[in-house]
Protein backbone atom coordinates (compact mmCIF):
# COMPACT_ATOMS: atom_id res chain seq x y z
CA UNK A 1 255.82 189.29 155.71
CA UNK A 2 253.11 187.54 153.64
CA UNK A 3 252.73 183.87 153.92
CA UNK A 4 254.54 182.43 150.83
CA UNK A 5 253.04 178.88 151.10
CA UNK A 6 251.35 177.75 147.94
CA UNK A 7 247.54 178.06 148.34
CA UNK A 8 244.51 177.94 146.05
CA UNK A 9 240.90 177.92 146.95
CA UNK A 10 237.58 176.43 145.36
CA UNK A 11 234.10 177.58 145.68
CA UNK A 12 231.31 175.21 145.05
CA UNK A 13 227.54 174.56 145.54
CA UNK A 14 228.16 171.23 146.89
CA UNK A 15 227.89 170.21 150.46
CA UNK A 16 230.95 170.40 152.93
CA UNK A 17 230.15 166.48 153.26
CA UNK A 18 230.56 166.01 149.49
CA UNK A 19 233.77 167.96 149.25
CA UNK A 20 235.27 166.12 152.34
CA UNK A 21 234.52 162.67 150.73
CA UNK A 22 235.92 163.82 147.29
CA UNK A 23 239.10 165.08 148.95
CA UNK A 24 239.73 161.80 150.54
CA UNK A 25 239.36 159.87 147.35
CA UNK A 26 242.71 160.92 146.10
CA UNK A 27 242.76 158.34 143.24
CA UNK A 28 239.63 159.90 142.09
CA UNK A 29 241.24 163.42 141.55
CA UNK A 30 245.05 163.18 141.85
CA UNK A 31 246.26 160.03 140.49
CA UNK A 32 245.32 156.31 140.31
CA UNK A 33 249.34 155.60 140.98
CA UNK A 34 248.87 155.45 144.48
CA UNK A 35 249.45 152.63 147.15
CA UNK A 36 247.65 152.60 150.57
CA UNK A 37 244.58 153.89 152.23
CA UNK A 38 243.84 157.50 151.71
CA UNK A 39 240.71 157.93 153.89
CA UNK A 40 241.97 156.86 157.53
CA UNK A 41 243.77 158.90 159.98
CA UNK A 42 247.47 157.90 160.52
CA UNK A 43 247.43 155.61 157.51
CA UNK A 44 250.44 156.18 154.95
CA UNK A 45 250.12 156.03 151.26
CA UNK A 46 252.69 156.14 148.45
CA UNK A 47 252.42 158.33 145.24
CA UNK A 48 254.48 158.09 142.13
CA UNK A 49 254.41 159.83 138.81
CA UNK A 50 256.62 157.59 136.20
CA UNK A 51 260.15 157.89 137.41
CA UNK A 52 259.97 161.79 138.11
CA UNK A 53 258.24 161.93 141.33
CA UNK A 54 257.74 159.75 144.28
CA UNK A 55 256.24 160.72 147.74
CA UNK A 56 255.33 159.10 150.98
CA UNK A 57 252.34 161.04 152.88
CA UNK A 58 250.90 160.24 156.34
CA UNK A 59 247.36 161.46 157.16
CA UNK A 60 247.84 163.35 160.49
CA UNK A 61 244.48 165.10 160.70
CA UNK A 62 240.91 164.47 159.77
CA UNK A 63 237.90 166.36 160.76
CA UNK A 64 234.92 165.26 159.22
CA UNK A 65 233.43 167.74 156.68
CA UNK A 66 236.11 170.45 157.85
CA UNK A 67 239.66 169.67 157.58
CA UNK A 68 242.39 167.13 156.18
CA UNK A 69 246.09 167.17 156.68
CA UNK A 70 248.97 165.18 155.03
CA UNK A 71 252.42 165.00 156.30
CA UNK A 72 255.06 164.49 153.53
CA UNK A 73 257.43 161.80 155.13
CA UNK A 74 259.73 161.35 152.11
CA UNK A 75 259.93 163.00 148.79
CA UNK A 76 262.02 162.41 145.53
CA UNK A 77 262.13 164.76 142.54
CA UNK A 78 264.13 163.68 139.44
CA UNK A 79 264.56 167.06 138.27
CA UNK A 80 265.75 169.23 141.23
CA UNK A 81 269.23 169.61 142.73
CA UNK A 82 267.72 168.85 146.21
CA UNK A 83 265.78 165.81 145.36
CA UNK A 84 264.00 165.86 148.72
CA UNK A 85 262.04 169.06 148.22
CA UNK A 86 258.51 168.61 149.73
CA UNK A 87 259.95 166.45 152.56
CA UNK A 88 258.46 167.41 155.90
CA UNK A 89 255.95 169.66 154.38
CA UNK A 90 252.05 169.52 154.99
CA UNK A 91 249.22 169.41 152.60
CA UNK A 92 246.12 170.99 154.08
CA UNK A 93 242.53 171.02 153.00
CA UNK A 94 240.10 173.24 154.95
CA UNK A 95 236.52 173.21 154.44
CA UNK A 96 234.17 176.12 155.43
CA UNK A 97 230.85 177.46 154.49
CA UNK A 98 230.67 180.99 153.09
CA UNK A 99 227.82 182.84 151.80
CA UNK A 100 225.71 179.63 151.36
CA UNK A 101 228.44 177.91 149.53
CA UNK A 102 231.12 175.46 150.43
CA UNK A 103 234.85 176.78 150.44
CA UNK A 104 237.71 174.41 150.07
CA UNK A 105 241.09 176.17 150.75
CA UNK A 106 244.13 174.12 149.74
CA UNK A 107 247.40 175.10 151.06
CA UNK A 108 250.91 173.24 150.67
CA UNK A 109 252.62 174.52 153.62
CA UNK A 110 256.46 174.67 153.18
CA UNK A 111 256.01 174.91 149.32
CA UNK A 112 257.47 178.38 148.82
CA UNK A 113 258.83 180.30 145.89
CA UNK A 114 262.51 179.41 146.91
CA UNK A 115 262.02 175.82 145.83
CA UNK A 116 263.34 174.83 142.46
CA UNK A 117 260.08 172.92 142.18
CA UNK A 118 257.73 175.66 142.93
CA UNK A 119 256.63 176.78 139.61
CA UNK A 120 255.87 173.50 138.26
CA UNK A 121 254.30 172.45 141.51
CA UNK A 122 252.31 175.56 141.53
CA UNK A 123 250.90 174.72 137.87
CA UNK A 124 250.32 171.20 138.56
CA UNK A 125 248.44 171.71 141.90
CA UNK A 126 246.26 174.38 140.27
CA UNK A 127 245.36 171.97 137.60
CA UNK A 128 244.39 169.17 140.21
CA UNK A 129 242.67 171.34 142.51
CA UNK A 130 240.85 173.83 140.59
CA UNK A 131 240.03 171.38 137.81
CA UNK A 132 240.01 167.76 138.86
CA UNK A 133 239.06 167.83 142.49
CA UNK A 134 236.14 170.71 141.54
CA UNK A 135 235.01 168.30 138.93
CA UNK A 136 235.02 165.42 141.29
CA UNK A 137 233.13 167.28 144.02
CA UNK A 138 230.54 168.75 141.57
CA UNK A 139 230.17 166.08 138.88
CA UNK A 140 231.28 163.09 140.62
CA UNK A 141 234.25 162.57 138.05
CA UNK A 142 237.74 163.92 138.23
CA UNK A 143 240.67 163.76 135.98
CA UNK A 144 243.55 161.94 137.81
CA UNK A 145 246.71 160.72 136.28
CA UNK A 146 245.57 157.30 135.10
CA UNK A 147 247.44 154.17 135.95
CA UNK A 148 250.76 153.56 134.26
CA UNK A 149 249.78 156.06 131.39
CA UNK A 150 253.72 156.77 130.74
CA UNK A 151 256.87 154.71 130.87
CA UNK A 152 259.32 157.50 131.70
CA UNK A 153 261.12 156.78 128.53
CA UNK A 154 261.39 159.31 125.83
CA UNK A 155 259.38 158.55 122.56
CA UNK A 156 260.81 158.64 119.07
CA UNK A 157 258.88 158.12 115.95
CA UNK A 158 259.23 154.71 114.14
CA UNK A 159 257.82 155.04 110.55
CA UNK A 160 256.96 151.95 108.26
CA UNK A 161 259.63 150.99 105.80
CA UNK A 162 259.94 153.50 103.07
CA UNK A 163 257.57 156.19 104.50
CA UNK A 164 258.50 159.63 105.33
CA UNK A 165 258.06 161.48 108.93
CA UNK A 166 257.93 165.02 109.88
CA UNK A 167 259.37 165.30 113.26
CA UNK A 168 259.64 167.96 115.82
CA UNK A 169 260.61 168.18 119.59
CA UNK A 170 259.99 171.05 122.11
CA UNK A 171 259.95 172.23 125.51
CA UNK A 172 256.74 173.64 126.58
CA UNK A 173 257.07 175.18 130.15
CA UNK A 174 253.78 174.11 131.55
CA UNK A 175 252.69 170.67 133.26
CA UNK A 176 251.91 167.70 130.89
CA UNK A 177 248.33 168.09 132.01
CA UNK A 178 247.98 171.54 130.59
CA UNK A 179 249.42 170.64 127.26
CA UNK A 180 247.35 167.44 127.02
CA UNK A 181 244.21 169.36 127.61
CA UNK A 182 245.02 171.78 124.73
CA UNK A 183 245.60 168.79 122.47
CA UNK A 184 242.41 166.99 123.16
CA UNK A 185 239.66 169.56 124.08
CA UNK A 186 237.81 171.71 121.56
CA UNK A 187 238.48 174.99 123.15
CA UNK A 188 242.29 174.02 123.33
CA UNK A 189 242.63 172.85 119.77
CA UNK A 190 240.90 176.01 118.66
CA UNK A 191 243.22 178.00 120.71
CA UNK A 192 246.26 176.82 118.70
CA UNK A 193 245.45 175.29 115.48
CA UNK A 194 242.03 176.79 114.05
CA UNK A 195 239.23 178.59 115.65
CA UNK A 196 236.80 176.48 113.39
CA UNK A 197 237.16 173.50 115.21
CA UNK A 198 234.76 170.60 116.28
CA UNK A 199 236.38 168.08 118.50
CA UNK A 200 235.77 165.53 121.50
CA UNK A 201 238.50 163.99 123.74
CA UNK A 202 237.09 160.62 122.88
CA UNK A 203 238.92 157.70 121.00
CA UNK A 204 237.07 156.78 117.88
CA UNK A 205 235.38 160.21 117.32
CA UNK A 206 236.22 162.32 114.22
CA UNK A 207 237.34 165.77 114.59
CA UNK A 208 236.86 168.48 112.03
CA UNK A 209 239.20 171.39 111.45
CA UNK A 210 238.33 174.13 108.95
CA UNK A 211 241.03 176.61 107.35
CA UNK A 212 238.80 179.10 105.82
CA UNK A 213 235.50 178.52 103.86
CA UNK A 214 236.88 175.90 101.15
CA UNK A 215 239.23 173.72 103.02
CA UNK A 216 238.93 171.46 106.15
CA UNK A 217 240.70 168.35 107.52
CA UNK A 218 239.12 165.60 109.20
CA UNK A 219 241.03 163.52 111.87
CA UNK A 220 239.93 160.14 113.70
CA UNK A 221 241.15 160.06 117.29
CA UNK A 222 242.93 156.65 116.95
CA UNK A 223 244.43 156.69 120.52
CA UNK A 224 244.30 158.70 123.90
CA UNK A 225 246.69 158.01 126.93
CA UNK A 226 245.98 160.93 129.48
CA UNK A 227 248.78 163.12 129.91
CA UNK A 228 251.03 160.90 127.71
CA UNK A 229 250.01 160.41 124.08
CA UNK A 230 247.43 161.58 121.33
CA UNK A 231 247.09 160.06 118.03
CA UNK A 232 245.03 160.94 115.10
CA UNK A 233 244.37 159.40 111.55
CA UNK A 234 243.74 161.96 108.66
CA UNK A 235 240.56 160.88 106.99
CA UNK A 236 240.25 163.97 104.80
CA UNK A 237 242.42 166.72 103.82
CA UNK A 238 244.89 167.56 100.90
CA UNK A 239 245.40 164.03 99.07
CA UNK A 240 248.94 163.67 100.54
CA UNK A 241 247.68 163.81 104.02
CA UNK A 242 245.08 161.01 103.76
CA UNK A 243 246.10 157.93 105.65
CA UNK A 244 248.94 159.57 107.46
CA UNK A 245 249.03 159.68 111.10
CA UNK A 246 249.71 162.47 113.52
CA UNK A 247 251.09 161.84 117.07
CA UNK A 248 251.94 163.98 120.09
CA UNK A 249 253.90 162.22 122.70
CA UNK A 250 254.37 163.86 126.09
CA UNK A 251 257.12 163.37 128.88
CA UNK A 252 257.42 165.35 132.15
CA UNK A 253 260.18 167.61 132.42
CA UNK A 254 261.67 169.72 135.25
CA UNK A 255 260.50 172.78 133.52
CA UNK A 256 257.16 171.20 132.26
CA UNK A 257 256.77 169.13 129.34
CA UNK A 258 258.50 167.68 126.40
CA UNK A 259 256.50 167.40 123.13
CA UNK A 260 257.66 164.67 120.54
CA UNK A 261 255.67 165.52 117.49
CA UNK A 262 255.57 163.29 114.45
CA UNK A 263 253.37 163.12 111.30
CA UNK A 264 254.10 159.80 109.83
CA UNK A 265 253.51 157.74 106.70
CA UNK A 266 254.07 160.34 104.04
CA UNK A 267 254.89 158.43 100.72
CA UNK A 268 257.43 161.01 99.41
CA UNK A 269 259.47 164.07 100.08
CA UNK A 270 257.36 166.42 98.15
CA UNK A 271 256.63 170.49 98.13
CA UNK A 272 253.68 169.64 100.26
CA UNK A 273 255.72 167.83 102.68
CA UNK A 274 258.16 170.46 103.16
CA UNK A 275 255.47 173.10 103.42
CA UNK A 276 253.55 170.90 106.01
CA UNK A 277 256.86 170.56 108.04
CA UNK A 278 257.30 174.31 108.17
CA UNK A 279 253.71 174.95 108.94
CA UNK A 280 253.62 172.52 111.90
CA UNK A 281 256.65 173.98 113.42
CA UNK A 282 254.55 177.44 113.48
CA UNK A 283 251.63 175.86 114.84
CA UNK A 284 253.50 173.89 117.49
CA UNK A 285 255.05 177.35 118.49
CA UNK A 286 251.36 178.48 118.76
CA UNK A 287 250.64 175.43 120.97
CA UNK A 288 253.55 176.52 123.11
CA UNK A 289 252.35 180.01 123.32
CA UNK A 290 248.77 178.95 124.23
CA UNK A 291 250.14 176.73 127.06
CA UNK A 292 252.59 179.14 128.60
CA UNK A 293 250.71 182.53 128.17
CA UNK A 294 247.13 181.60 127.66
CA UNK A 295 247.02 182.77 124.17
CA UNK A 296 248.06 181.18 120.84
CA UNK A 297 248.41 182.04 117.28
CA UNK A 298 245.99 179.94 115.54
CA UNK A 299 245.05 179.93 111.72
CA UNK A 300 245.23 182.35 110.03
CA UNK A 301 247.83 184.27 112.16
CA UNK A 302 250.12 181.21 112.89
CA UNK A 303 252.83 182.90 110.81
CA UNK A 304 252.80 186.31 112.53
CA UNK A 305 255.41 187.28 114.67
């Protein structure tokens, strides 16, 4: 029988020493919401993700530039019938040299397909190991969950008095990290809204979204909270759009992420408002498809079935 433990491997030109150092800098690639030492043998550290996931780890093995092993002492999931899944499992990092490169093999020993949490944990670990840890090793900067980015309370739109709001809520069956990337990075936005996109995931920048040769929208990135919130202010577009704000709020869910979308500060219920509400529903379907399957239906194909 094949080993069913979750495993994923990265290959890098960095040295084994660089990889080992990055692995032990857990706040630099996994989460800033960690208490305790993460780089000392026999130390324990606590991890939490809002009110959804808590775990206590003990570092039980450290072989410089070769291996690190954590033992999960306690675990709590909000979304599984067995809240203690992960308890007594081991998280293993093995570093080897292969063909002149450094290989880091990550194994979550005991995380198997029978676990209710398996798919969401599979996706999340893949994001953090293949993306964040690899970036920390190679570039010196990962993308961990920032400190206190979310409250664990679901968000609902609150409009100014008299203004109108387009509002949608949907489940996307991938981790919030994946959804957030597709809401902020140019290639993600191009994959579900319009291929003709110029954007940077930086607060204060202006993103440009073209829809054919004669029409485009410009959005100022007003707010970014990693894995939690994206907010734009419309600067240029059809007249009724100008001055409106578009907000994507994300919450973790046992199957992935809940997206609460609201397009605020419309002055009136108009034909453009109604058409826009329908179009957003189709584009959010495109976002869901991109996150779940790797392929969305951006403009001009967003209304195809």
